[in-house]
Amino acid sequence: MAKNWYILHTYTGYEGKIERTIRTMLEAGDLDSNIVCDVKVPVEEVVEIKDGKKHSRKNKFLPGYIMLELDLPDLGWKATCNGIRRIQGVTGFVGTNPSERPRPITADEAKNLLQKAGEIKGEKPVHIKQTFAVGDQVKITDGPFATFSGAVEEVNMEKEKLRVMVQIFGRATPVEVDLLQVEKLVN
């Protein structure tokens, strides 16, 4: 037996309730804690900028899915899996029929999902929910160029950076800034 991560498909919006139900069943002894090791709803941090203020919130990046770390035995796995499938809101394990033994996701897939959720060390990405376009007027609010204003010349969403043309000593100078360091100016 070896611990592996499995994906459980649920009704969207029921993820938190099902996670709590599984944890309650583990505490009550309805599920074997030697088999069900961990349960997680994958969430990521999203930063939204409204009125010049940063608002951080948790966002499910796999709505309708829960990650389960199971140590399934070769014999006797059916009772545990059927107990999990009977929870209201659960539709089943991803990739298998109810009569089949669930298939785990690969270690790399599990690592990527846990890193994205910030559960394991690695680069925990924070997604910014503000859009910029070339030509937008912005004010730099943080960093060495704070208080400078200028026009967006280039938007790089992969690196979450902007190139802004600002006036320094009377000359137009391109400055690269992070998306969190600027705010849009209202025209």
N, C-alpha and C. Protein backbone atom coordinates (compact mmCIF):
# COMPACT_ATOMS: atom_id res chain seq x y z
N MET A 1 0.84 -1.19 0.00
CA MET A 1 0.00 0.00 0.00
C MET A 1 0.88 1.24 0.00
N ALA A 2 0.46 2.22 -0.77
CA ALA A 2 1.19 3.49 -0.82
C ALA A 2 0.18 4.63 -0.90
N LYS A 3 0.54 5.73 -0.26
CA LYS A 3 -0.33 6.89 -0.30
C LYS A 3 -0.31 7.51 -1.68
N ASN A 4 -1.50 7.82 -2.20
CA ASN A 4 -1.64 8.50 -3.48
C ASN A 4 -2.77 9.51 -3.37
N TRP A 5 -2.74 10.50 -4.27
CA TRP A 5 -3.80 11.49 -4.32
C TRP A 5 -4.82 11.07 -5.37
N TYR A 6 -6.10 11.20 -5.01
CA TYR A 6 -7.21 10.86 -5.89
C TYR A 6 -8.09 12.10 -6.02
N ILE A 7 -8.79 12.20 -7.14
CA ILE A 7 -9.69 13.33 -7.36
C ILE A 7 -11.13 12.82 -7.25
N LEU A 8 -11.89 13.49 -6.40
CA LEU A 8 -13.29 13.16 -6.17
C LEU A 8 -14.15 14.21 -6.84
N HIS A 9 -15.08 13.78 -7.68
CA HIS A 9 -15.97 14.72 -8.38
C HIS A 9 -17.21 14.95 -7.52
N THR A 10 -17.58 16.24 -7.38
CA THR A 10 -18.72 16.61 -6.55
C THR A 10 -19.60 17.60 -7.30
N TYR A 11 -20.76 17.86 -6.74
CA TYR A 11 -21.58 18.96 -7.27
C TYR A 11 -20.83 20.25 -6.98
N THR A 12 -20.87 21.18 -7.93
CA THR A 12 -20.20 22.46 -7.72
C THR A 12 -20.90 23.22 -6.59
N GLY A 13 -20.11 23.76 -5.69
CA GLY A 13 -20.65 24.47 -4.55
C GLY A 13 -20.74 23.61 -3.29
N TYR A 14 -20.59 22.30 -3.43
CA TYR A 14 -20.68 21.38 -2.30
C TYR A 14 -19.31 20.98 -1.76
N GLU A 15 -18.22 21.51 -2.35
CA GLU A 15 -16.87 21.05 -2.01
C GLU A 15 -16.57 21.19 -0.52
N GLY A 16 -16.84 22.37 0.05
CA GLY A 16 -16.56 22.61 1.48
C GLY A 16 -17.39 21.72 2.38
N LYS A 17 -18.66 21.56 2.04
CA LYS A 17 -19.56 20.72 2.84
C LYS A 17 -19.10 19.27 2.82
N ILE A 18 -18.69 18.79 1.64
CA ILE A 18 -18.23 17.39 1.53
C ILE A 18 -16.91 17.20 2.27
N GLU A 19 -16.02 18.19 2.20
CA GLU A 19 -14.76 18.11 2.95
C GLU A 19 -15.05 17.99 4.45
N ARG A 20 -15.96 18.83 4.95
CA ARG A 20 -16.33 18.77 6.38
C ARG A 20 -16.97 17.43 6.73
N THR A 21 -17.81 16.91 5.83
CA THR A 21 -18.46 15.62 6.07
C THR A 21 -17.43 14.50 6.17
N ILE A 22 -16.45 14.50 5.27
CA ILE A 22 -15.40 13.47 5.30
C ILE A 22 -14.60 13.58 6.60
N ARG A 23 -14.25 14.79 7.00
CA ARG A 23 -13.51 14.98 8.26
C ARG A 23 -14.34 14.51 9.46
N THR A 24 -15.64 14.79 9.45
CA THR A 24 -16.53 14.34 10.53
C THR A 24 -16.61 12.81 10.56
N MET A 25 -16.70 12.20 9.38
CA MET A 25 -16.75 10.73 9.30
C MET A 25 -15.45 10.11 9.81
N LEU A 26 -14.32 10.77 9.55
CA LEU A 26 -13.04 10.27 10.06
C LEU A 26 -13.00 10.34 11.59
N GLU A 27 -13.47 11.47 12.15
CA GLU A 27 -13.48 11.63 13.61
C GLU A 27 -14.43 10.63 14.27
N ALA A 28 -15.55 10.36 13.61
CA ALA A 28 -16.55 9.43 14.17
C ALA A 28 -16.15 7.98 13.98
N GLY A 29 -15.16 7.71 13.15
CA GLY A 29 -14.74 6.34 12.90
C GLY A 29 -15.51 5.68 11.77
N ASP A 30 -16.34 6.43 11.04
CA ASP A 30 -17.09 5.87 9.92
C ASP A 30 -16.18 5.61 8.73
N LEU A 31 -15.08 6.34 8.65
CA LEU A 31 -14.05 6.10 7.62
C LEU A 31 -12.75 5.79 8.35
N ASP A 32 -11.98 4.86 7.82
CA ASP A 32 -10.72 4.44 8.43
C ASP A 32 -9.65 5.52 8.19
N SER A 33 -9.12 6.08 9.28
CA SER A 33 -8.10 7.13 9.16
C SER A 33 -6.77 6.57 8.66
N ASN A 34 -6.60 5.25 8.66
CA ASN A 34 -5.39 4.66 8.08
C ASN A 34 -5.48 4.64 6.55
N ILE A 35 -6.71 4.67 6.03
CA ILE A 35 -6.91 4.66 4.58
C ILE A 35 -7.07 6.08 4.05
N VAL A 36 -7.95 6.87 4.67
CA VAL A 36 -8.16 8.26 4.25
C VAL A 36 -7.20 9.14 5.06
N CYS A 37 -6.15 9.61 4.41
CA CYS A 37 -5.09 10.35 5.10
C CYS A 37 -5.36 11.85 5.13
N ASP A 38 -5.88 12.41 4.03
CA ASP A 38 -6.08 13.85 3.96
C ASP A 38 -7.15 14.18 2.93
N VAL A 39 -7.79 15.32 3.11
CA VAL A 39 -8.79 15.81 2.16
C VAL A 39 -8.59 17.31 2.00
N LYS A 40 -8.59 17.77 0.74
CA LYS A 40 -8.35 19.19 0.47
C LYS A 40 -9.25 19.68 -0.66
N VAL A 41 -9.75 20.90 -0.50
CA VAL A 41 -10.43 21.60 -1.58
C VAL A 41 -9.39 22.56 -2.16
N PRO A 42 -8.95 22.35 -3.41
CA PRO A 42 -7.89 23.20 -3.96
C PRO A 42 -8.35 24.64 -4.18
N VAL A 43 -7.71 25.58 -3.46
CA VAL A 43 -8.02 27.00 -3.60
C VAL A 43 -6.73 27.77 -3.83
N GLU A 44 -6.85 28.91 -4.50
CA GLU A 44 -5.72 29.80 -4.74
C GLU A 44 -6.09 31.19 -4.26
N GLU A 45 -5.07 31.99 -4.02
CA GLU A 45 -5.30 33.36 -3.58
C GLU A 45 -5.41 34.26 -4.80
N VAL A 46 -6.46 35.08 -4.83
CA VAL A 46 -6.67 36.03 -5.91
C VAL A 46 -6.68 37.43 -5.31
N VAL A 47 -5.88 38.32 -5.90
CA VAL A 47 -5.84 39.71 -5.44
C VAL A 47 -6.61 40.55 -6.44
N GLU A 48 -7.61 41.27 -5.94
CA GLU A 48 -8.43 42.14 -6.78
C GLU A 48 -8.17 43.57 -6.35
N ILE A 49 -7.97 44.46 -7.30
CA ILE A 49 -7.70 45.85 -6.97
C ILE A 49 -8.95 46.66 -7.31
N LYS A 50 -9.59 47.22 -6.26
CA LYS A 50 -10.78 48.05 -6.44
C LYS A 50 -10.55 49.36 -5.72
N ASP A 51 -10.81 50.46 -6.42
CA ASP A 51 -10.66 51.79 -5.84
C ASP A 51 -9.27 52.01 -5.24
N GLY A 52 -8.25 51.43 -5.87
CA GLY A 52 -6.88 51.61 -5.42
C GLY A 52 -6.50 50.77 -4.21
N LYS A 53 -7.41 49.90 -3.75
CA LYS A 53 -7.12 49.06 -2.58
C LYS A 53 -7.06 47.60 -3.01
N LYS A 54 -6.13 46.87 -2.40
CA LYS A 54 -5.97 45.45 -2.70
C LYS A 54 -6.91 44.65 -1.81
N HIS A 55 -7.68 43.77 -2.43
CA HIS A 55 -8.57 42.87 -1.70
C HIS A 55 -8.15 41.45 -2.07
N SER A 56 -7.84 40.67 -1.05
CA SER A 56 -7.39 39.29 -1.27
C SER A 56 -8.53 38.35 -0.91
N ARG A 57 -8.71 37.32 -1.74
CA ARG A 57 -9.74 36.32 -1.43
C ARG A 57 -9.29 34.96 -1.94
N LYS A 58 -9.90 33.92 -1.39
CA LYS A 58 -9.61 32.55 -1.82
C LYS A 58 -10.58 32.18 -2.93
N ASN A 59 -10.07 31.51 -3.94
CA ASN A 59 -10.87 31.14 -5.10
C ASN A 59 -10.62 29.67 -5.42
N LYS A 60 -11.68 28.88 -5.59
CA LYS A 60 -11.50 27.47 -5.97
C LYS A 60 -11.04 27.43 -7.42
N PHE A 61 -9.90 26.78 -7.67
CA PHE A 61 -9.45 26.70 -9.05
C PHE A 61 -9.85 25.39 -9.70
N LEU A 62 -10.44 24.47 -8.95
CA LEU A 62 -11.03 23.26 -9.51
C LEU A 62 -12.45 23.11 -8.95
N PRO A 63 -13.38 23.98 -9.36
CA PRO A 63 -14.73 23.86 -8.80
C PRO A 63 -15.34 22.51 -9.17
N GLY A 64 -15.94 21.87 -8.18
CA GLY A 64 -16.56 20.57 -8.40
C GLY A 64 -15.62 19.40 -8.15
N TYR A 65 -14.43 19.68 -7.61
CA TYR A 65 -13.47 18.60 -7.36
C TYR A 65 -12.82 18.76 -5.99
N ILE A 66 -12.51 17.63 -5.37
CA ILE A 66 -11.82 17.58 -4.08
C ILE A 66 -10.65 16.62 -4.23
N MET A 67 -9.55 16.94 -3.58
CA MET A 67 -8.38 16.05 -3.58
C MET A 67 -8.42 15.18 -2.31
N LEU A 68 -8.26 13.88 -2.48
CA LEU A 68 -8.21 12.96 -1.35
C LEU A 68 -6.89 12.21 -1.37
N GLU A 69 -6.20 12.19 -0.23
CA GLU A 69 -4.99 11.38 -0.12
C GLU A 69 -5.41 10.07 0.55
N LEU A 70 -5.30 8.99 -0.20
CA LEU A 70 -5.74 7.69 0.29
C LEU A 70 -4.58 6.70 0.27
N ASP A 71 -4.63 5.77 1.21
CA ASP A 71 -3.69 4.65 1.26
C ASP A 71 -4.54 3.40 1.09
N LEU A 72 -5.00 3.17 -0.16
CA LEU A 72 -5.97 2.10 -0.43
C LEU A 72 -5.31 0.72 -0.37
N PRO A 73 -5.88 -0.17 0.43
CA PRO A 73 -5.36 -1.54 0.46
C PRO A 73 -5.81 -2.30 -0.79
N ASP A 74 -5.10 -3.38 -1.12
CA ASP A 74 -5.49 -4.17 -2.29
C ASP A 74 -6.84 -4.84 -2.07
N LEU A 75 -7.06 -5.28 -0.84
CA LEU A 75 -8.35 -5.89 -0.50
C LEU A 75 -9.05 -4.98 0.51
N GLY A 76 -10.35 -4.84 0.38
CA GLY A 76 -11.09 -4.04 1.34
C GLY A 76 -11.19 -2.57 1.00
N TRP A 77 -10.82 -2.17 -0.21
CA TRP A 77 -10.92 -0.77 -0.61
C TRP A 77 -12.35 -0.37 -0.93
N LYS A 78 -13.18 -1.35 -1.31
CA LYS A 78 -14.55 -1.04 -1.74
C LYS A 78 -15.39 -0.39 -0.65
N ALA A 79 -15.25 -0.86 0.59
CA ALA A 79 -16.08 -0.31 1.68
C ALA A 79 -15.78 1.18 1.88
N THR A 80 -14.51 1.54 1.88
CA THR A 80 -14.13 2.95 2.05
C THR A 80 -14.60 3.79 0.88
N CYS A 81 -14.34 3.33 -0.34
CA CYS A 81 -14.73 4.10 -1.53
C CYS A 81 -16.24 4.24 -1.64
N ASN A 82 -16.97 3.18 -1.33
CA ASN A 82 -18.43 3.26 -1.38
C ASN A 82 -18.96 4.20 -0.30
N GLY A 83 -18.32 4.22 0.88
CA GLY A 83 -18.73 5.14 1.94
C GLY A 83 -18.55 6.59 1.51
N ILE A 84 -17.47 6.86 0.79
CA ILE A 84 -17.21 8.21 0.29
C ILE A 84 -18.20 8.56 -0.83
N ARG A 85 -18.47 7.59 -1.73
CA ARG A 85 -19.39 7.84 -2.84
C ARG A 85 -20.82 8.10 -2.37
N ARG A 86 -21.19 7.54 -1.20
CA ARG A 86 -22.56 7.70 -0.70
C ARG A 86 -22.82 9.07 -0.08
N ILE A 87 -21.79 9.88 0.12
CA ILE A 87 -21.97 11.22 0.69
C ILE A 87 -22.78 12.05 -0.29
N GLN A 88 -23.78 12.75 0.22
CA GLN A 88 -24.64 13.57 -0.63
C GLN A 88 -23.81 14.64 -1.33
N GLY A 89 -23.94 14.72 -2.66
CA GLY A 89 -23.20 15.70 -3.45
C GLY A 89 -21.99 15.11 -4.17
N VAL A 90 -21.58 13.88 -3.82
CA VAL A 90 -20.45 13.22 -4.47
C VAL A 90 -20.96 12.44 -5.68
N THR A 91 -20.32 12.63 -6.84
CA THR A 91 -20.71 11.86 -8.02
C THR A 91 -19.77 10.69 -8.28
N GLY A 92 -18.58 10.71 -7.70
CA GLY A 92 -17.67 9.58 -7.85
C GLY A 92 -16.22 10.02 -8.00
N PHE A 93 -15.36 9.02 -8.16
CA PHE A 93 -13.94 9.28 -8.38
C PHE A 93 -13.71 9.54 -9.87
N VAL A 94 -12.83 10.46 -10.18
CA VAL A 94 -12.56 10.82 -11.57
C VAL A 94 -11.86 9.67 -12.28
N GLY A 95 -12.38 9.32 -13.46
CA GLY A 95 -11.73 8.34 -14.32
C GLY A 95 -12.09 6.89 -14.08
N THR A 96 -13.04 6.60 -13.18
CA THR A 96 -13.38 5.21 -12.92
C THR A 96 -14.89 5.02 -12.76
N ASN A 97 -15.34 3.80 -12.99
CA ASN A 97 -16.72 3.42 -12.72
C ASN A 97 -16.85 3.11 -11.23
N PRO A 98 -18.07 3.15 -10.69
CA PRO A 98 -18.25 2.85 -9.26
C PRO A 98 -17.76 1.46 -8.85
N SER A 99 -17.77 0.51 -9.78
CA SER A 99 -17.35 -0.85 -9.44
C SER A 99 -15.83 -1.04 -9.53
N GLU A 100 -15.14 -0.08 -10.11
CA GLU A 100 -13.68 -0.19 -10.28
C GLU A 100 -12.95 0.49 -9.14
N ARG A 101 -11.73 0.04 -8.91
CA ARG A 101 -10.85 0.68 -7.93
C ARG A 101 -10.44 2.05 -8.50
N PRO A 102 -10.53 3.12 -7.70
CA PRO A 102 -10.15 4.45 -8.20
C PRO A 102 -8.70 4.49 -8.64
N ARG A 103 -8.43 5.32 -9.65
CA ARG A 103 -7.07 5.50 -10.14
C ARG A 103 -6.50 6.81 -9.59
N PRO A 104 -5.29 6.76 -9.05
CA PRO A 104 -4.69 7.99 -8.51
C PRO A 104 -4.17 8.89 -9.63
N ILE A 105 -4.00 10.18 -9.29
CA ILE A 105 -3.33 11.07 -10.23
C ILE A 105 -1.83 10.87 -10.05
N THR A 106 -1.04 11.33 -11.00
CA THR A 106 0.40 11.14 -10.91
C THR A 106 0.98 12.03 -9.81
N ALA A 107 2.16 11.70 -9.36
CA ALA A 107 2.82 12.49 -8.31
C ALA A 107 3.07 13.92 -8.79
N ASP A 108 3.42 14.08 -10.08
CA ASP A 108 3.66 15.42 -10.62
C ASP A 108 2.38 16.25 -10.63
N GLU A 109 1.26 15.62 -11.03
CA GLU A 109 -0.02 16.34 -11.03
C GLU A 109 -0.39 16.77 -9.62
N ALA A 110 -0.21 15.87 -8.66
CA ALA A 110 -0.53 16.19 -7.27
C ALA A 110 0.37 17.32 -6.76
N LYS A 111 1.66 17.26 -7.09
CA LYS A 111 2.60 18.29 -6.66
C LYS A 111 2.21 19.65 -7.23
N ASN A 112 1.85 19.68 -8.53
CA ASN A 112 1.46 20.93 -9.17
C ASN A 112 0.20 21.52 -8.53
N LEU A 113 -0.80 20.67 -8.26
CA LEU A 113 -2.04 21.16 -7.64
C LEU A 113 -1.78 21.67 -6.23
N LEU A 114 -0.97 20.95 -5.45
CA LEU A 114 -0.68 21.36 -4.07
C LEU A 114 0.17 22.64 -4.05
N GLN A 115 1.08 22.79 -5.01
CA GLN A 115 1.87 24.02 -5.09
C GLN A 115 0.99 25.20 -5.45
N LYS A 116 0.10 25.00 -6.40
CA LYS A 116 -0.79 26.09 -6.82
C LYS A 116 -1.68 26.52 -5.66
N ALA A 117 -2.07 25.56 -4.82
CA ALA A 117 -2.91 25.86 -3.67
C ALA A 117 -2.09 26.40 -2.50
N GLY A 118 -0.75 26.37 -2.62
CA GLY A 118 0.10 26.87 -1.55
C GLY A 118 0.25 25.90 -0.40
N GLU A 119 -0.13 24.64 -0.61
CA GLU A 119 -0.04 23.62 0.44
C GLU A 119 1.39 23.14 0.64
N ILE A 120 2.18 23.13 -0.44
CA ILE A 120 3.57 22.73 -0.32
C ILE A 120 4.44 23.88 -0.82
N LYS A 121 5.69 23.87 -0.40
CA LYS A 121 6.60 24.95 -0.76
C LYS A 121 6.81 24.97 -2.26
N GLY A 122 7.05 26.14 -2.73
CA GLY A 122 7.22 26.36 -4.16
C GLY A 122 6.73 27.77 -4.40
N GLU A 123 6.70 28.16 -5.61
CA GLU A 123 6.23 29.49 -5.90
C GLU A 123 4.72 29.50 -5.86
N LYS A 124 4.17 30.15 -4.84
CA LYS A 124 2.72 30.23 -4.69
C LYS A 124 2.24 31.42 -5.51
N PRO A 125 1.59 31.14 -6.63
CA PRO A 125 1.18 32.25 -7.46
C PRO A 125 -0.02 32.99 -6.88
N VAL A 126 0.01 34.29 -6.99
CA VAL A 126 -1.13 35.12 -6.62
C VAL A 126 -1.65 35.72 -7.91
N HIS A 127 -2.91 35.50 -8.20
CA HIS A 127 -3.47 36.01 -9.45
C HIS A 127 -4.11 37.37 -9.22
N ILE A 128 -3.84 38.27 -10.14
CA ILE A 128 -4.37 39.62 -10.05
C ILE A 128 -5.56 39.75 -10.98
N LYS A 129 -6.65 40.27 -10.44
CA LYS A 129 -7.86 40.41 -11.23
C LYS A 129 -8.09 41.88 -11.58
N GLN A 130 -7.20 42.42 -12.38
CA GLN A 130 -7.36 43.76 -12.92
C GLN A 130 -6.75 43.75 -14.30
N THR A 131 -7.42 44.31 -15.26
CA THR A 131 -6.92 44.27 -16.62
C THR A 131 -6.36 45.61 -17.02
N PHE A 132 -5.28 45.55 -17.74
CA PHE A 132 -4.63 46.74 -18.28
C PHE A 132 -4.51 46.56 -19.78
N ALA A 133 -4.57 47.66 -20.50
CA ALA A 133 -4.40 47.63 -21.95
C ALA A 133 -3.36 48.68 -22.34
N VAL A 134 -2.75 48.47 -23.48
CA VAL A 134 -1.77 49.42 -23.98
C VAL A 134 -2.48 50.76 -24.17
N GLY A 135 -1.85 51.81 -23.66
CA GLY A 135 -2.42 53.14 -23.76
C GLY A 135 -3.13 53.61 -22.49
N ASP A 136 -3.43 52.71 -21.57
CA ASP A 136 -4.08 53.10 -20.31
C ASP A 136 -3.17 54.04 -19.52
N GLN A 137 -3.76 55.03 -18.88
CA GLN A 137 -3.02 55.93 -18.00
C GLN A 137 -3.01 55.31 -16.61
N VAL A 138 -1.81 55.17 -16.01
CA VAL A 138 -1.68 54.55 -14.70
C VAL A 138 -0.80 55.40 -13.80
N LYS A 139 -0.99 55.20 -12.50
CA LYS A 139 -0.14 55.86 -11.51
C LYS A 139 0.60 54.76 -10.77
N ILE A 140 1.90 54.91 -10.62
CA ILE A 140 2.71 53.93 -9.90
C ILE A 140 2.56 54.24 -8.41
N THR A 141 2.13 53.24 -7.62
CA THR A 141 1.84 53.46 -6.21
C THR A 141 2.89 52.89 -5.27
N ASP A 142 3.81 52.08 -5.80
CA ASP A 142 4.76 51.39 -4.93
C ASP A 142 6.09 51.25 -5.66
N GLY A 143 7.16 51.14 -4.92
CA GLY A 143 8.47 50.92 -5.51
C GLY A 143 9.23 52.22 -5.71
N PRO A 144 10.38 52.15 -6.39
CA PRO A 144 11.23 53.33 -6.56
C PRO A 144 10.59 54.43 -7.42
N PHE A 145 9.59 54.10 -8.23
CA PHE A 145 8.96 55.08 -9.09
C PHE A 145 7.58 55.50 -8.58
N ALA A 146 7.32 55.30 -7.27
CA ALA A 146 6.03 55.68 -6.70
C ALA A 146 5.77 57.16 -6.96
N THR A 147 4.54 57.49 -7.20
CA THR A 147 4.02 58.83 -7.51
C THR A 147 4.19 59.21 -8.98
N PHE A 148 4.95 58.48 -9.78
CA PHE A 148 5.06 58.77 -11.21
C PHE A 148 3.79 58.28 -11.91
N SER A 149 3.40 58.95 -12.97
CA SER A 149 2.27 58.54 -13.80
C SER A 149 2.75 58.39 -15.22
N GLY A 150 2.04 57.57 -15.99
CA GLY A 150 2.42 57.40 -17.38
C GLY A 150 1.44 56.53 -18.12
N ALA A 151 1.79 56.23 -19.36
CA ALA A 151 0.95 55.40 -20.22
C ALA A 151 1.54 54.00 -20.32
N VAL A 152 0.66 52.99 -20.32
CA VAL A 152 1.09 51.60 -20.46
C VAL A 152 1.55 51.40 -21.90
N GLU A 153 2.78 50.89 -22.05
CA GLU A 153 3.34 50.64 -23.37
C GLU A 153 3.28 49.16 -23.73
N GLU A 154 3.38 48.30 -22.70
CA GLU A 154 3.36 46.85 -22.95
C GLU A 154 2.78 46.15 -21.73
N VAL A 155 1.97 45.10 -21.99
CA VAL A 155 1.37 44.31 -20.92
C VAL A 155 1.88 42.88 -21.05
N ASN A 156 2.49 42.34 -19.99
CA ASN A 156 2.97 40.96 -19.98
C ASN A 156 2.25 40.24 -18.85
N MET A 157 1.12 39.59 -19.16
CA MET A 157 0.31 38.93 -18.14
C MET A 157 0.98 37.67 -17.59
N GLU A 158 1.84 37.02 -18.39
CA GLU A 158 2.53 35.82 -17.90
C GLU A 158 3.44 36.16 -16.74
N LYS A 159 4.18 37.25 -16.86
CA LYS A 159 5.09 37.68 -15.80
C LYS A 159 4.41 38.65 -14.84
N GLU A 160 3.17 39.05 -15.17
CA GLU A 160 2.39 40.00 -14.39
C GLU A 160 3.16 41.31 -14.23
N LYS A 161 3.66 41.81 -15.36
CA LYS A 161 4.44 43.06 -15.41
C LYS A 161 3.86 43.98 -16.46
N LEU A 162 4.11 45.28 -16.27
CA LEU A 162 3.74 46.31 -17.23
C LEU A 162 4.98 47.13 -17.56
N ARG A 163 5.07 47.60 -18.80
CA ARG A 163 6.08 48.60 -19.14
C ARG A 163 5.32 49.91 -19.29
N VAL A 164 5.70 50.88 -18.45
CA VAL A 164 5.03 52.17 -18.41
C VAL A 164 6.02 53.25 -18.83
N MET A 165 5.56 54.16 -19.69
CA MET A 165 6.39 55.31 -20.11
C MET A 165 6.13 56.46 -19.14
N VAL A 166 7.16 56.84 -18.37
CA VAL A 166 7.04 57.94 -17.42
C VAL A 166 8.02 59.05 -17.80
N GLN A 167 7.74 60.24 -17.33
CA GLN A 167 8.62 61.38 -17.58
C GLN A 167 9.62 61.50 -16.42
N ILE A 168 10.90 61.26 -16.72
CA ILE A 168 11.95 61.41 -15.73
C ILE A 168 12.94 62.44 -16.29
N PHE A 169 13.13 63.54 -15.57
CA PHE A 169 13.99 64.63 -16.00
C PHE A 169 13.61 65.13 -17.39
N GLY A 170 12.30 65.18 -17.67
CA GLY A 170 11.82 65.71 -18.94
C GLY A 170 11.92 64.77 -20.11
N ARG A 171 12.31 63.53 -19.86
CA ARG A 171 12.42 62.55 -20.94
C ARG A 171 11.48 61.38 -20.69
N ALA A 172 10.90 60.86 -21.76
CA ALA A 172 10.05 59.67 -21.66
C ALA A 172 10.95 58.45 -21.45
N THR A 173 10.73 57.77 -20.34
CA THR A 173 11.57 56.63 -19.98
C THR A 173 10.69 55.41 -19.70
N PRO A 174 11.00 54.25 -20.32
CA PRO A 174 10.21 53.05 -20.02
C PRO A 174 10.62 52.46 -18.67
N VAL A 175 9.62 52.11 -17.87
CA VAL A 175 9.85 51.53 -16.55
C VAL A 175 9.03 50.25 -16.45
N GLU A 176 9.66 49.16 -16.00
CA GLU A 176 8.92 47.91 -15.83
C GLU A 176 8.48 47.79 -14.37
N VAL A 177 7.17 47.60 -14.17
CA VAL A 177 6.60 47.50 -12.82
C VAL A 177 5.69 46.29 -12.72
N ASP A 178 5.50 45.84 -11.50
CA ASP A 178 4.61 44.73 -11.20
C ASP A 178 3.16 45.22 -11.26
N LEU A 179 2.22 44.34 -11.60
CA LEU A 179 0.81 44.74 -11.66
C LEU A 179 0.29 45.27 -10.33
N LEU A 180 0.85 44.78 -9.22
CA LEU A 180 0.40 45.23 -7.90
C LEU A 180 0.95 46.61 -7.54
N GLN A 181 1.87 47.14 -8.34
CA GLN A 181 2.49 48.42 -8.03
C GLN A 181 1.81 49.59 -8.73
N VAL A 182 0.75 49.33 -9.51
CA VAL A 182 0.10 50.41 -10.24
C VAL A 182 -1.41 50.41 -10.03
N GLU A 183 -2.01 51.55 -10.30
CA GLU A 183 -3.47 51.63 -10.32
C GLU A 183 -3.86 52.46 -11.53
N LYS A 184 -5.02 52.10 -12.10
CA LYS A 184 -5.51 52.83 -13.27
C LYS A 184 -5.97 54.22 -12.84
N LEU A 185 -5.72 55.18 -13.73
CA LEU A 185 -6.25 56.53 -13.51
C LEU A 185 -7.56 56.63 -14.27
N VAL A 186 -8.57 57.17 -13.62
CA VAL A 186 -9.88 57.31 -14.23
C VAL A 186 -9.84 58.52 -15.14
N ASN A 187 -10.26 58.32 -16.38
CA ASN A 187 -10.24 59.42 -17.35
C ASN A 187 -11.40 60.36 -17.13
